[in-house]
Amino acid sequence: MLCPTPVQQIVLQAYVQTVTEQTERLGRLDLELHEQVHTWRLAPVVEALQALRGVQCTVAVTTVAERGDLTRFENPRQLMNYLGLTPSEYARGGRRQQGGMTKTGNTHARRALVEGAWAYRYPAKGSRHLQLRLEKRPTAIQAISWQAQVRRCTRYRHLMATGKNANHVVVAIARELSAFMWAIAKQVALRPKA
């Protein structure tokens, strides 16, 4: 692409070079992350979480690394509270009102979940990439994955139809995503060690 002036061309080339370098850096980091996760004691959980739509390796590793063993939470609500994905509450007298999410939890894990939750904007379907990740998983985890996908895609459309802000809807979907992640982690914990 040619710019009208030489100075603009120099600036454009600098921008293109920066984007290229950062894309290559991201690729190297992603490859290193994939290689390192196999030696981690929580690798089975990371692999199982990738059965969920919107949860690829980076999201799974980030959430597990920031939260640790998901089975330490007695129920999904405790996990949601830890992540700061639960709505705040205002009570005065006999009146109770819910506000925005508390944001008191782990910022990195919350951000990764919210990014993964954007995948539920589209109707539920079995993409080729997801099918490849699912075929290695036990049927119980596959069932949780499909149930999660159908429920969250339906919920996304329903909340958007009521006129909610898209960002608020995605946070609600991320909250549910964390509950399904907890369920999958419990399934992995129940499986006998090989």
N, C-alpha and C. Protein backbone atom coordinates (compact mmCIF):
# COMPACT_ATOMS: atom_id res chain seq x y z
N MET A 1 0.84 -1.17 0.00
CA MET A 1 0.00 0.00 0.00
C MET A 1 0.89 1.24 0.00
N LEU A 2 0.57 2.16 -0.85
CA LEU A 2 1.34 3.38 -0.93
C LEU A 2 0.58 4.54 -0.29
N CYS A 3 1.30 5.33 0.48
CA CYS A 3 0.72 6.49 1.13
C CYS A 3 1.05 7.74 0.30
N PRO A 4 0.28 8.83 0.48
CA PRO A 4 0.49 10.03 -0.32
C PRO A 4 1.85 10.71 -0.10
N THR A 5 2.41 10.61 1.12
CA THR A 5 3.69 11.27 1.39
C THR A 5 4.69 10.25 1.91
N PRO A 6 5.99 10.52 1.72
CA PRO A 6 7.01 9.60 2.22
C PRO A 6 6.97 9.41 3.74
N VAL A 7 6.66 10.46 4.49
CA VAL A 7 6.60 10.35 5.95
C VAL A 7 5.48 9.40 6.37
N GLN A 8 4.33 9.52 5.72
CA GLN A 8 3.22 8.62 6.03
C GLN A 8 3.59 7.17 5.70
N GLN A 9 4.32 6.98 4.62
CA GLN A 9 4.76 5.63 4.24
C GLN A 9 5.69 5.04 5.29
N ILE A 10 6.59 5.85 5.83
CA ILE A 10 7.52 5.39 6.88
C ILE A 10 6.74 4.99 8.13
N VAL A 11 5.78 5.80 8.51
CA VAL A 11 4.97 5.50 9.70
C VAL A 11 4.16 4.22 9.49
N LEU A 12 3.57 4.08 8.30
CA LEU A 12 2.80 2.87 7.99
C LEU A 12 3.68 1.63 8.08
N GLN A 13 4.87 1.69 7.50
CA GLN A 13 5.78 0.55 7.54
C GLN A 13 6.19 0.21 8.97
N ALA A 14 6.38 1.23 9.81
CA ALA A 14 6.72 0.99 11.22
C ALA A 14 5.57 0.28 11.93
N TYR A 15 4.34 0.70 11.64
CA TYR A 15 3.18 0.05 12.24
C TYR A 15 3.05 -1.40 11.78
N VAL A 16 3.23 -1.63 10.51
CA VAL A 16 3.14 -2.99 9.97
C VAL A 16 4.21 -3.88 10.60
N GLN A 17 5.42 -3.36 10.72
CA GLN A 17 6.51 -4.12 11.33
C GLN A 17 6.19 -4.44 12.79
N THR A 18 5.65 -3.49 13.53
CA THR A 18 5.30 -3.72 14.94
C THR A 18 4.24 -4.81 15.07
N VAL A 19 3.21 -4.75 14.24
CA VAL A 19 2.15 -5.76 14.28
C VAL A 19 2.72 -7.13 13.94
N THR A 20 3.57 -7.20 12.94
CA THR A 20 4.18 -8.47 12.54
C THR A 20 5.03 -9.05 13.67
N GLU A 21 5.86 -8.22 14.29
CA GLU A 21 6.70 -8.69 15.39
C GLU A 21 5.87 -9.18 16.57
N GLN A 22 4.82 -8.47 16.91
CA GLN A 22 3.99 -8.87 18.05
C GLN A 22 3.21 -10.15 17.74
N THR A 23 2.78 -10.31 16.51
CA THR A 23 2.08 -11.53 16.11
C THR A 23 3.02 -12.73 16.21
N GLU A 24 4.24 -12.56 15.77
CA GLU A 24 5.24 -13.64 15.87
C GLU A 24 5.54 -13.95 17.34
N ARG A 25 5.67 -12.92 18.16
CA ARG A 25 5.93 -13.10 19.59
C ARG A 25 4.78 -13.87 20.25
N LEU A 26 3.57 -13.51 19.92
CA LEU A 26 2.40 -14.19 20.46
C LEU A 26 2.38 -15.67 20.05
N GLY A 27 2.75 -15.93 18.82
CA GLY A 27 2.82 -17.32 18.35
C GLY A 27 3.86 -18.12 19.11
N ARG A 28 5.04 -17.51 19.36
CA ARG A 28 6.08 -18.20 20.13
C ARG A 28 5.62 -18.49 21.55
N LEU A 29 4.99 -17.50 22.19
CA LEU A 29 4.50 -17.68 23.56
C LEU A 29 3.42 -18.75 23.63
N ASP A 30 2.53 -18.76 22.65
CA ASP A 30 1.46 -19.75 22.61
C ASP A 30 2.03 -21.15 22.45
N LEU A 31 3.03 -21.30 21.60
CA LEU A 31 3.68 -22.60 21.39
C LEU A 31 4.36 -23.06 22.68
N GLU A 32 5.06 -22.16 23.35
CA GLU A 32 5.73 -22.49 24.61
C GLU A 32 4.72 -22.89 25.69
N LEU A 33 3.60 -22.19 25.73
CA LEU A 33 2.56 -22.52 26.69
C LEU A 33 2.01 -23.92 26.46
N HIS A 34 1.76 -24.26 25.20
CA HIS A 34 1.28 -25.60 24.87
C HIS A 34 2.28 -26.68 25.28
N GLU A 35 3.55 -26.41 25.09
CA GLU A 35 4.58 -27.39 25.44
C GLU A 35 4.70 -27.56 26.96
N GLN A 36 4.63 -26.46 27.69
CA GLN A 36 4.82 -26.50 29.14
C GLN A 36 3.63 -27.09 29.89
N VAL A 37 2.43 -26.96 29.37
CA VAL A 37 1.25 -27.41 30.09
C VAL A 37 1.24 -28.93 30.28
N HIS A 38 1.90 -29.66 29.40
CA HIS A 38 1.89 -31.13 29.50
C HIS A 38 2.61 -31.65 30.74
N THR A 39 3.54 -30.90 31.29
CA THR A 39 4.26 -31.34 32.47
C THR A 39 3.63 -30.86 33.78
N TRP A 40 2.57 -30.12 33.70
CA TRP A 40 1.91 -29.54 34.87
C TRP A 40 1.02 -30.55 35.53
N ARG A 41 0.94 -30.54 36.85
CA ARG A 41 0.09 -31.50 37.56
C ARG A 41 -1.40 -31.28 37.29
N LEU A 42 -1.78 -30.06 36.88
CA LEU A 42 -3.18 -29.76 36.57
C LEU A 42 -3.48 -29.88 35.08
N ALA A 43 -2.59 -30.49 34.32
CA ALA A 43 -2.79 -30.65 32.88
C ALA A 43 -4.08 -31.38 32.52
N PRO A 44 -4.48 -32.44 33.27
CA PRO A 44 -5.75 -33.09 32.92
C PRO A 44 -6.95 -32.15 33.02
N VAL A 45 -6.94 -31.25 33.98
CA VAL A 45 -8.04 -30.29 34.13
C VAL A 45 -8.01 -29.30 32.96
N VAL A 46 -6.82 -28.82 32.62
CA VAL A 46 -6.69 -27.88 31.50
C VAL A 46 -7.19 -28.52 30.22
N GLU A 47 -6.81 -29.75 29.97
CA GLU A 47 -7.26 -30.46 28.77
C GLU A 47 -8.77 -30.64 28.76
N ALA A 48 -9.34 -31.00 29.90
CA ALA A 48 -10.78 -31.23 29.98
C ALA A 48 -11.57 -29.93 29.80
N LEU A 49 -11.07 -28.84 30.34
CA LEU A 49 -11.78 -27.56 30.21
C LEU A 49 -11.87 -27.10 28.76
N GLN A 50 -10.95 -27.55 27.94
CA GLN A 50 -10.97 -27.16 26.54
C GLN A 50 -12.12 -27.81 25.77
N ALA A 51 -12.88 -28.66 26.43
CA ALA A 51 -14.08 -29.22 25.82
C ALA A 51 -15.18 -28.17 25.71
N LEU A 52 -15.04 -27.09 26.45
CA LEU A 52 -16.04 -26.02 26.42
C LEU A 52 -15.77 -25.06 25.26
N ARG A 53 -16.83 -24.60 24.66
CA ARG A 53 -16.71 -23.60 23.60
C ARG A 53 -16.17 -22.30 24.19
N GLY A 54 -15.24 -21.68 23.51
CA GLY A 54 -14.66 -20.43 23.99
C GLY A 54 -13.51 -20.62 24.96
N VAL A 55 -13.21 -21.87 25.30
CA VAL A 55 -12.14 -22.15 26.26
C VAL A 55 -11.07 -22.96 25.53
N GLN A 56 -10.14 -22.25 24.91
CA GLN A 56 -9.01 -22.93 24.29
C GLN A 56 -7.87 -22.92 25.28
N CYS A 57 -6.71 -23.36 24.86
CA CYS A 57 -5.59 -23.58 25.77
C CYS A 57 -5.25 -22.36 26.62
N THR A 58 -5.15 -21.20 26.01
CA THR A 58 -4.74 -20.00 26.76
C THR A 58 -5.75 -19.66 27.86
N VAL A 59 -7.04 -19.71 27.54
CA VAL A 59 -8.07 -19.40 28.53
C VAL A 59 -8.06 -20.45 29.63
N ALA A 60 -7.94 -21.73 29.27
CA ALA A 60 -7.94 -22.80 30.26
C ALA A 60 -6.73 -22.68 31.19
N VAL A 61 -5.56 -22.45 30.63
CA VAL A 61 -4.35 -22.34 31.45
C VAL A 61 -4.44 -21.12 32.36
N THR A 62 -4.88 -20.00 31.83
CA THR A 62 -4.99 -18.78 32.62
C THR A 62 -5.94 -18.96 33.80
N THR A 63 -7.10 -19.51 33.54
CA THR A 63 -8.07 -19.65 34.63
C THR A 63 -7.60 -20.66 35.68
N VAL A 64 -7.01 -21.77 35.25
CA VAL A 64 -6.55 -22.76 36.22
C VAL A 64 -5.33 -22.24 36.98
N ALA A 65 -4.44 -21.55 36.27
CA ALA A 65 -3.25 -21.01 36.95
C ALA A 65 -3.63 -19.96 37.99
N GLU A 66 -4.63 -19.17 37.70
CA GLU A 66 -5.04 -18.12 38.63
C GLU A 66 -5.92 -18.63 39.75
N ARG A 67 -6.66 -19.71 39.52
CA ARG A 67 -7.57 -20.23 40.54
C ARG A 67 -7.06 -21.47 41.24
N GLY A 68 -6.12 -22.16 40.64
CA GLY A 68 -5.63 -23.39 41.23
C GLY A 68 -6.62 -24.52 41.03
N ASP A 69 -6.66 -25.44 41.95
CA ASP A 69 -7.53 -26.60 41.87
C ASP A 69 -8.98 -26.16 42.06
N LEU A 70 -9.79 -26.34 41.03
CA LEU A 70 -11.19 -25.89 41.09
C LEU A 70 -12.02 -26.70 42.07
N THR A 71 -11.58 -27.92 42.36
CA THR A 71 -12.36 -28.77 43.25
C THR A 71 -12.25 -28.33 44.71
N ARG A 72 -11.42 -27.34 44.99
CA ARG A 72 -11.33 -26.84 46.37
C ARG A 72 -12.56 -26.02 46.74
N PHE A 73 -13.33 -25.58 45.74
CA PHE A 73 -14.57 -24.87 46.00
C PHE A 73 -15.69 -25.89 46.18
N GLU A 74 -16.50 -25.72 47.21
CA GLU A 74 -17.55 -26.68 47.49
C GLU A 74 -18.67 -26.64 46.45
N ASN A 75 -18.91 -25.47 45.88
CA ASN A 75 -19.96 -25.33 44.87
C ASN A 75 -19.58 -24.23 43.89
N PRO A 76 -20.28 -24.16 42.77
CA PRO A 76 -19.93 -23.16 41.75
C PRO A 76 -20.08 -21.72 42.24
N ARG A 77 -21.02 -21.47 43.13
CA ARG A 77 -21.23 -20.11 43.62
C ARG A 77 -19.98 -19.58 44.34
N GLN A 78 -19.29 -20.43 45.08
CA GLN A 78 -18.05 -20.00 45.73
C GLN A 78 -17.00 -19.62 44.69
N LEU A 79 -16.94 -20.38 43.62
CA LEU A 79 -16.01 -20.08 42.54
C LEU A 79 -16.37 -18.73 41.89
N MET A 80 -17.64 -18.52 41.64
CA MET A 80 -18.09 -17.25 41.05
C MET A 80 -17.74 -16.07 41.96
N ASN A 81 -17.92 -16.26 43.26
CA ASN A 81 -17.56 -15.20 44.21
C ASN A 81 -16.06 -14.93 44.18
N TYR A 82 -15.27 -15.99 44.12
CA TYR A 82 -13.81 -15.84 44.08
C TYR A 82 -13.37 -15.04 42.86
N LEU A 83 -14.08 -15.24 41.76
CA LEU A 83 -13.74 -14.55 40.52
C LEU A 83 -14.28 -13.13 40.46
N GLY A 84 -15.18 -12.78 41.37
CA GLY A 84 -15.78 -11.45 41.34
C GLY A 84 -16.83 -11.32 40.25
N LEU A 85 -17.46 -12.42 39.87
CA LEU A 85 -18.47 -12.41 38.81
C LEU A 85 -19.89 -12.35 39.34
N THR A 86 -20.05 -12.26 40.64
CA THR A 86 -21.40 -12.20 41.20
C THR A 86 -21.84 -10.74 41.30
N PRO A 87 -23.15 -10.50 41.18
CA PRO A 87 -23.61 -9.11 41.26
C PRO A 87 -23.51 -8.56 42.68
N SER A 88 -23.24 -7.26 42.76
CA SER A 88 -23.22 -6.62 44.06
C SER A 88 -24.66 -6.42 44.52
N GLU A 89 -24.81 -6.17 45.80
CA GLU A 89 -26.16 -6.06 46.36
C GLU A 89 -26.27 -4.83 47.24
N TYR A 90 -27.36 -4.12 47.10
CA TYR A 90 -27.64 -2.96 47.94
C TYR A 90 -28.94 -3.25 48.67
N ALA A 91 -28.90 -3.17 49.99
CA ALA A 91 -30.11 -3.43 50.78
C ALA A 91 -30.34 -2.26 51.73
N ARG A 92 -31.54 -1.78 51.74
CA ARG A 92 -31.92 -0.70 52.64
C ARG A 92 -33.36 -0.97 53.06
N GLY A 93 -33.53 -1.11 54.36
CA GLY A 93 -34.87 -1.44 54.85
C GLY A 93 -35.27 -2.81 54.34
N GLY A 94 -36.45 -2.94 53.80
CA GLY A 94 -36.92 -4.22 53.26
C GLY A 94 -36.66 -4.32 51.76
N ARG A 95 -35.94 -3.39 51.21
CA ARG A 95 -35.72 -3.34 49.78
C ARG A 95 -34.31 -3.85 49.43
N ARG A 96 -34.23 -4.68 48.40
CA ARG A 96 -32.96 -5.26 47.96
C ARG A 96 -32.80 -5.00 46.48
N GLN A 97 -31.63 -4.50 46.09
CA GLN A 97 -31.37 -4.20 44.69
C GLN A 97 -29.99 -4.74 44.32
N GLN A 98 -29.91 -5.36 43.13
CA GLN A 98 -28.64 -5.88 42.65
C GLN A 98 -27.98 -4.87 41.74
N GLY A 99 -26.66 -4.80 41.83
CA GLY A 99 -25.89 -3.89 40.99
C GLY A 99 -24.98 -4.65 40.05
N GLY A 100 -23.90 -4.02 39.63
CA GLY A 100 -22.93 -4.63 38.73
C GLY A 100 -22.11 -5.69 39.44
N MET A 101 -21.27 -6.37 38.68
CA MET A 101 -20.44 -7.42 39.29
C MET A 101 -19.47 -6.80 40.30
N THR A 102 -19.12 -7.60 41.29
CA THR A 102 -18.32 -7.08 42.41
C THR A 102 -16.88 -6.77 42.02
N LYS A 103 -16.31 -7.51 41.09
CA LYS A 103 -14.92 -7.34 40.65
C LYS A 103 -13.92 -7.49 41.80
N THR A 104 -14.31 -8.20 42.85
CA THR A 104 -13.42 -8.36 43.99
C THR A 104 -12.46 -9.53 43.81
N GLY A 105 -12.69 -10.34 42.82
CA GLY A 105 -11.88 -11.54 42.66
C GLY A 105 -10.66 -11.35 41.79
N ASN A 106 -10.23 -12.45 41.21
CA ASN A 106 -9.02 -12.50 40.41
C ASN A 106 -9.25 -11.86 39.04
N THR A 107 -8.55 -10.80 38.75
CA THR A 107 -8.73 -10.03 37.52
C THR A 107 -8.35 -10.83 36.28
N HIS A 108 -7.22 -11.54 36.32
CA HIS A 108 -6.74 -12.27 35.14
C HIS A 108 -7.71 -13.38 34.75
N ALA A 109 -8.14 -14.16 35.73
CA ALA A 109 -9.07 -15.25 35.44
C ALA A 109 -10.41 -14.71 34.96
N ARG A 110 -10.89 -13.64 35.57
CA ARG A 110 -12.16 -13.04 35.17
C ARG A 110 -12.08 -12.54 33.72
N ARG A 111 -10.99 -11.87 33.38
CA ARG A 111 -10.83 -11.36 32.01
C ARG A 111 -10.80 -12.51 31.01
N ALA A 112 -10.09 -13.59 31.34
CA ALA A 112 -10.02 -14.74 30.43
C ALA A 112 -11.41 -15.36 30.23
N LEU A 113 -12.17 -15.47 31.31
CA LEU A 113 -13.52 -16.04 31.19
C LEU A 113 -14.44 -15.15 30.36
N VAL A 114 -14.35 -13.86 30.58
CA VAL A 114 -15.20 -12.94 29.81
C VAL A 114 -14.84 -13.00 28.32
N GLU A 115 -13.56 -13.08 28.02
CA GLU A 115 -13.15 -13.21 26.61
C GLU A 115 -13.69 -14.50 26.01
N GLY A 116 -13.61 -15.60 26.77
CA GLY A 116 -14.15 -16.87 26.28
C GLY A 116 -15.65 -16.85 26.12
N ALA A 117 -16.33 -16.08 26.94
CA ALA A 117 -17.80 -16.02 26.92
C ALA A 117 -18.34 -15.36 25.65
N TRP A 118 -17.54 -14.55 25.00
CA TRP A 118 -18.01 -13.92 23.76
C TRP A 118 -18.33 -14.94 22.68
N ALA A 119 -17.80 -16.15 22.78
CA ALA A 119 -18.06 -17.20 21.77
C ALA A 119 -19.51 -17.64 21.76
N TYR A 120 -20.26 -17.30 22.80
CA TYR A 120 -21.65 -17.76 22.89
C TYR A 120 -22.63 -16.79 22.25
N ARG A 121 -22.13 -15.81 21.52
CA ARG A 121 -23.01 -14.91 20.76
C ARG A 121 -23.68 -15.66 19.63
N TYR A 122 -23.05 -16.71 19.17
CA TYR A 122 -23.53 -17.44 18.01
C TYR A 122 -24.33 -18.66 18.45
N PRO A 123 -25.21 -19.16 17.59
CA PRO A 123 -26.03 -20.34 17.96
C PRO A 123 -25.18 -21.56 18.30
N ALA A 124 -25.74 -22.44 19.10
CA ALA A 124 -25.05 -23.66 19.51
C ALA A 124 -24.84 -24.56 18.29
N LYS A 125 -23.61 -25.01 18.13
CA LYS A 125 -23.28 -25.95 17.06
C LYS A 125 -21.95 -26.60 17.38
N GLY A 126 -21.71 -27.71 16.77
CA GLY A 126 -20.44 -28.41 16.98
C GLY A 126 -19.45 -28.05 15.89
N SER A 127 -18.57 -27.09 16.15
CA SER A 127 -17.57 -26.72 15.15
C SER A 127 -16.52 -27.83 15.04
N ARG A 128 -15.79 -27.81 13.96
CA ARG A 128 -14.76 -28.83 13.73
C ARG A 128 -13.67 -28.78 14.80
N HIS A 129 -13.25 -27.57 15.18
CA HIS A 129 -12.21 -27.43 16.21
C HIS A 129 -12.69 -27.98 17.54
N LEU A 130 -13.93 -27.68 17.89
CA LEU A 130 -14.48 -28.18 19.15
C LEU A 130 -14.64 -29.69 19.11
N GLN A 131 -15.08 -30.24 17.98
CA GLN A 131 -15.22 -31.68 17.86
C GLN A 131 -13.88 -32.39 18.04
N LEU A 132 -12.82 -31.83 17.51
CA LEU A 132 -11.49 -32.42 17.69
C LEU A 132 -11.08 -32.42 19.15
N ARG A 133 -11.40 -31.34 19.88
CA ARG A 133 -11.07 -31.29 21.31
C ARG A 133 -11.96 -32.23 22.11
N LEU A 134 -13.21 -32.43 21.67
CA LEU A 134 -14.15 -33.27 22.41
C LEU A 134 -13.92 -34.76 22.24
N GLU A 135 -13.42 -35.18 21.10
CA GLU A 135 -13.34 -36.61 20.82
C GLU A 135 -12.44 -37.37 21.79
N LYS A 136 -11.51 -36.68 22.45
CA LYS A 136 -10.62 -37.33 23.40
C LYS A 136 -11.19 -37.34 24.82
N ARG A 137 -12.32 -36.70 25.03
CA ARG A 137 -12.88 -36.55 26.37
C ARG A 137 -13.91 -37.63 26.68
N PRO A 138 -14.08 -37.98 27.96
CA PRO A 138 -15.11 -38.95 28.35
C PRO A 138 -16.51 -38.42 28.01
N THR A 139 -17.45 -39.32 27.89
CA THR A 139 -18.81 -38.91 27.50
C THR A 139 -19.45 -37.98 28.53
N ALA A 140 -19.12 -38.11 29.80
CA ALA A 140 -19.69 -37.21 30.82
C ALA A 140 -19.26 -35.77 30.57
N ILE A 141 -18.00 -35.57 30.20
CA ILE A 141 -17.49 -34.23 29.92
C ILE A 141 -18.08 -33.71 28.61
N GLN A 142 -18.24 -34.58 27.63
CA GLN A 142 -18.88 -34.17 26.37
C GLN A 142 -20.31 -33.72 26.62
N ALA A 143 -21.01 -34.43 27.49
CA ALA A 143 -22.40 -34.05 27.81
C ALA A 143 -22.46 -32.70 28.50
N ILE A 144 -21.55 -32.47 29.44
CA ILE A 144 -21.51 -31.17 30.12
C ILE A 144 -21.21 -30.07 29.11
N SER A 145 -20.29 -30.33 28.20
CA SER A 145 -19.92 -29.34 27.19
C SER A 145 -21.11 -28.95 26.32
N TRP A 146 -21.85 -29.95 25.84
CA TRP A 146 -23.00 -29.66 24.98
C TRP A 146 -24.10 -28.95 25.76
N GLN A 147 -24.36 -29.41 26.97
CA GLN A 147 -25.38 -28.76 27.81
C GLN A 147 -25.00 -27.30 28.05
N ALA A 148 -23.74 -27.07 28.33
CA ALA A 148 -23.27 -25.70 28.56
C ALA A 148 -23.45 -24.85 27.32
N GLN A 149 -23.12 -25.39 26.18
CA GLN A 149 -23.21 -24.62 24.95
C GLN A 149 -24.67 -24.25 24.64
N VAL A 150 -25.56 -25.21 24.73
CA VAL A 150 -26.97 -24.95 24.44
C VAL A 150 -27.53 -23.93 25.43
N ARG A 151 -27.25 -24.13 26.70
CA ARG A 151 -27.79 -23.24 27.73
C ARG A 151 -27.28 -21.80 27.56
N ARG A 152 -25.99 -21.65 27.38
CA ARG A 152 -25.43 -20.29 27.32
C ARG A 152 -25.77 -19.58 26.02
N CYS A 153 -25.82 -20.29 24.90
CA CYS A 153 -26.22 -19.64 23.65
C CYS A 153 -27.67 -19.17 23.73
N THR A 154 -28.53 -20.00 24.31
CA THR A 154 -29.94 -19.62 24.49
C THR A 154 -30.04 -18.44 25.45
N ARG A 155 -29.32 -18.50 26.52
CA ARG A 155 -29.37 -17.41 27.51
C ARG A 155 -28.84 -16.10 26.92
N TYR A 156 -27.81 -16.18 26.13
CA TYR A 156 -27.28 -14.96 25.49
C TYR A 156 -28.36 -14.32 24.63
N ARG A 157 -28.99 -15.11 23.77
CA ARG A 157 -30.03 -14.56 22.90
C ARG A 157 -31.20 -14.01 23.71
N HIS A 158 -31.58 -14.72 24.76
CA HIS A 158 -32.71 -14.27 25.59
C HIS A 158 -32.39 -12.93 26.26
N LEU A 159 -31.22 -12.82 26.87
CA LEU A 159 -30.85 -11.58 27.56
C LEU A 159 -30.71 -10.42 26.58
N MET A 160 -30.17 -10.68 25.40
CA MET A 160 -30.05 -9.62 24.40
C MET A 160 -31.43 -9.17 23.92
N ALA A 161 -32.36 -10.12 23.80
CA ALA A 161 -33.72 -9.79 23.36
C ALA A 161 -34.45 -8.91 24.38
N THR A 162 -34.06 -9.01 25.65
CA THR A 162 -34.70 -8.17 26.68
C THR A 162 -34.11 -6.77 26.71
N GLY A 163 -33.11 -6.51 25.88
CA GLY A 163 -32.53 -5.17 25.79
C GLY A 163 -31.35 -4.92 26.70
N LYS A 164 -30.77 -5.96 27.25
CA LYS A 164 -29.60 -5.79 28.12
C LYS A 164 -28.38 -5.37 27.30
N ASN A 165 -27.47 -4.70 27.95
CA ASN A 165 -26.21 -4.30 27.34
C ASN A 165 -25.39 -5.56 27.05
N ALA A 166 -24.75 -5.60 25.87
CA ALA A 166 -23.99 -6.79 25.46
C ALA A 166 -22.88 -7.14 26.45
N ASN A 167 -22.21 -6.13 27.01
CA ASN A 167 -21.14 -6.41 27.97
C ASN A 167 -21.70 -7.04 29.24
N HIS A 168 -22.84 -6.59 29.70
CA HIS A 168 -23.47 -7.18 30.90
C HIS A 168 -23.89 -8.62 30.62
N VAL A 169 -24.40 -8.86 29.43
CA VAL A 169 -24.82 -10.21 29.05
C VAL A 169 -23.61 -11.15 29.04
N VAL A 170 -22.51 -10.70 28.49
CA VAL A 170 -21.31 -11.55 28.41
C VAL A 170 -20.78 -11.86 29.80
N VAL A 171 -20.87 -10.92 30.73
CA VAL A 171 -20.44 -11.19 32.10
C VAL A 171 -21.34 -12.26 32.73
N ALA A 172 -22.64 -12.19 32.45
CA ALA A 172 -23.55 -13.23 32.96
C ALA A 172 -23.20 -14.59 32.36
N ILE A 173 -22.85 -14.61 31.10
CA ILE A 173 -22.46 -15.86 30.44
C ILE A 173 -21.15 -16.37 31.04
N ALA A 174 -20.21 -15.47 31.31
CA ALA A 174 -18.94 -15.87 31.94
C ALA A 174 -19.18 -16.46 33.32
N ARG A 175 -20.14 -15.91 34.05
CA ARG A 175 -20.48 -16.45 35.38
C ARG A 175 -20.93 -17.89 35.24
N GLU A 176 -21.82 -18.15 34.27
CA GLU A 176 -22.28 -19.53 34.03
C GLU A 176 -21.14 -20.41 33.53
N LEU A 177 -20.29 -19.85 32.69
CA LEU A 177 -19.14 -20.61 32.18
C LEU A 177 -18.29 -21.13 33.33
N SER A 178 -18.08 -20.30 34.35
CA SER A 178 -17.29 -20.74 35.50
C SER A 178 -17.96 -21.91 36.22
N ALA A 179 -19.29 -21.91 36.26
CA ALA A 179 -20.00 -23.03 36.90
C ALA A 179 -19.80 -24.32 36.12
N PHE A 180 -19.84 -24.24 34.80
CA PHE A 180 -19.60 -25.44 34.00
C PHE A 180 -18.15 -25.90 34.08
N MET A 181 -17.23 -24.96 34.22
CA MET A 181 -15.82 -25.33 34.42
C MET A 181 -15.66 -26.09 35.73
N TRP A 182 -16.36 -25.64 36.76
CA TRP A 182 -16.31 -26.31 38.05
C TRP A 182 -16.84 -27.74 37.90
N ALA A 183 -17.94 -27.91 37.17
CA ALA A 183 -18.53 -29.25 36.96
C ALA A 183 -17.56 -30.17 36.23
N ILE A 184 -16.88 -29.65 35.23
CA ILE A 184 -15.90 -30.46 34.49
C ILE A 184 -14.72 -30.82 35.39
N ALA A 185 -14.25 -29.87 36.19
CA ALA A 185 -13.14 -30.16 37.11
C ALA A 185 -13.53 -31.25 38.10
N LYS A 186 -14.77 -31.24 38.55
CA LYS A 186 -15.25 -32.30 39.45
C LYS A 186 -15.24 -33.65 38.73
N GLN A 187 -15.62 -33.67 37.46
CA GLN A 187 -15.61 -34.92 36.69
C GLN A 187 -14.18 -35.46 36.55
N VAL A 188 -13.24 -34.56 36.30
CA VAL A 188 -11.83 -34.97 36.19
C VAL A 188 -11.34 -35.53 37.51
N ALA A 189 -11.74 -34.90 38.61
CA ALA A 189 -11.32 -35.36 39.94
C ALA A 189 -11.91 -36.74 40.27
N LEU A 190 -13.08 -37.04 39.73
CA LEU A 190 -13.72 -38.33 39.99
C LEU A 190 -13.14 -39.47 39.18
N ARG A 191 -12.49 -39.12 38.05
CA ARG A 191 -11.92 -40.16 37.19
C ARG A 191 -10.72 -40.80 37.88
N PRO A 192 -10.61 -42.13 37.78
CA PRO A 192 -9.45 -42.79 38.37
C PRO A 192 -8.16 -42.41 37.63
N LYS A 193 -7.10 -42.27 38.37
CA LYS A 193 -5.79 -41.92 37.80
C LYS A 193 -5.24 -43.12 37.04
N ALA A 194 -4.64 -42.85 35.87
CA ALA A 194 -4.10 -43.95 35.05
C ALA A 194 -2.72 -44.33 35.51
